[in-house]
Amino acid sequence: MAGKIKIRITENGPYIVTGSIPLSRMTIDVDSNDEACNWREVERYPQRKSYALCRCGKSGNMPYCDGSHIKAQFDGTETASSE
């Protein structure tokens, strides 16, 4: 069982996820009508007590942060409506 799960969003940097939760990459399968029909796991990552997950999209070690956000001058300002 996982410990207390916590996700912290760092300013202009990665998501910090703690709590020893499993991490995997999923894809959406589509049916013959190109309609989404289910999620499927395509990769499982080694479980850790914590993860620094990329949110700038520039990491060379996805899904993990490798510090590329610094060189890319990533601006993590939230732009979505809160409504």
Protein backbone atom coordinates (compact mmCIF):
# COMPACT_ATOMS: atom_id res chain seq x y z
CA MET A 1 0.00 0.00 0.00
CA ALA A 2 1.31 3.46 -0.90
CA GLY A 3 2.12 6.00 1.80
CA LYS A 4 0.69 9.49 1.86
CA ILE A 5 0.60 10.62 -1.77
CA LYS A 6 1.58 14.21 -2.45
CA ILE A 7 2.06 16.17 -5.69
CA ARG A 8 3.88 19.48 -5.54
CA ILE A 9 4.17 21.76 -8.56
CA THR A 10 7.47 23.61 -8.51
CA GLU A 11 7.71 27.11 -9.92
CA ASN A 12 8.71 26.77 -13.59
CA GLY A 13 9.97 23.25 -12.88
CA PRO A 14 8.85 19.65 -12.46
CA TYR A 15 6.04 17.97 -10.59
CA ILE A 16 7.42 16.40 -7.40
CA VAL A 17 5.42 13.25 -6.62
CA THR A 18 5.94 11.39 -3.34
CA GLY A 19 4.26 8.40 -1.77
CA SER A 20 5.80 5.35 -3.45
CA ILE A 21 3.08 5.10 -6.09
CA PRO A 22 3.44 3.02 -9.27
CA LEU A 23 4.15 4.96 -12.46
CA SER A 24 3.28 3.83 -15.98
CA ARG A 25 2.71 5.21 -19.47
CA MET A 26 -0.73 4.56 -20.90
CA THR A 27 -2.26 4.84 -24.37
CA ILE A 28 -5.85 5.01 -25.52
CA ASP A 29 -7.01 2.21 -27.80
CA VAL A 30 -9.55 3.00 -30.49
CA ASP A 31 -12.16 0.79 -32.09
CA SER A 32 -12.90 0.33 -35.81
CA ASN A 33 -14.80 3.66 -35.80
CA ASP A 34 -11.78 5.50 -34.37
CA GLU A 35 -13.65 5.94 -31.07
CA ALA A 36 -11.71 5.73 -27.81
CA CYS A 37 -12.57 2.45 -26.13
CA ASN A 38 -10.07 1.77 -23.32
CA TRP A 39 -6.75 2.65 -21.69
CA ARG A 40 -3.82 0.25 -22.08
CA GLU A 41 -0.52 0.24 -20.19
CA VAL A 42 2.44 0.35 -22.59
CA GLU A 43 5.31 0.90 -20.16
CA ARG A 44 5.84 0.51 -16.43
CA TYR A 45 8.60 2.48 -14.72
CA PRO A 46 10.58 1.32 -11.67
CA GLN A 47 8.70 2.28 -8.51
CA ARG A 48 10.40 4.93 -6.37
CA LYS A 49 9.61 6.75 -3.14
CA SER A 50 9.50 10.01 -5.12
CA TYR A 51 9.64 11.25 -8.69
CA ALA A 52 10.52 14.58 -10.33
CA LEU A 53 8.33 14.50 -13.44
CA CYS A 54 8.96 16.75 -16.44
CA ARG A 55 6.28 19.27 -17.31
CA CYS A 56 8.21 21.40 -19.83
CA GLY A 57 8.33 18.64 -22.45
CA LYS A 58 12.08 19.08 -23.11
CA SER A 59 13.58 16.34 -20.91
CA GLY A 60 15.85 13.83 -22.59
CA ASN A 61 14.84 11.31 -19.92
CA MET A 62 11.02 11.40 -20.07
CA PRO A 63 8.94 11.17 -17.99
CA TYR A 64 11.58 12.31 -15.50
CA CYS A 65 12.91 15.85 -15.18
CA ASP A 66 16.55 16.27 -16.23
CA GLY A 67 16.74 20.04 -15.65
CA SER A 68 16.04 20.97 -19.29
CA HIS A 69 13.40 23.46 -18.10
CA ILE A 70 16.21 25.77 -16.98
CA LYS A 71 17.89 26.00 -20.40
CA ALA A 72 14.48 26.20 -22.12
CA GLN A 73 13.42 28.99 -19.75
CA PHE A 74 10.17 27.14 -19.16
CA ASP A 75 7.32 29.32 -17.93
CA GLY A 76 4.96 27.16 -15.89
CA THR A 77 2.39 29.89 -15.34
CA GLU A 78 -1.09 28.37 -15.28
CA THR A 79 -3.10 29.62 -18.25
CA ALA A 80 -6.23 27.47 -18.06
CA SER A 81 -9.44 28.97 -16.77
CA SER A 82 -10.29 28.04 -13.19
CA GLU A 83 -14.01 27.89 -14.03
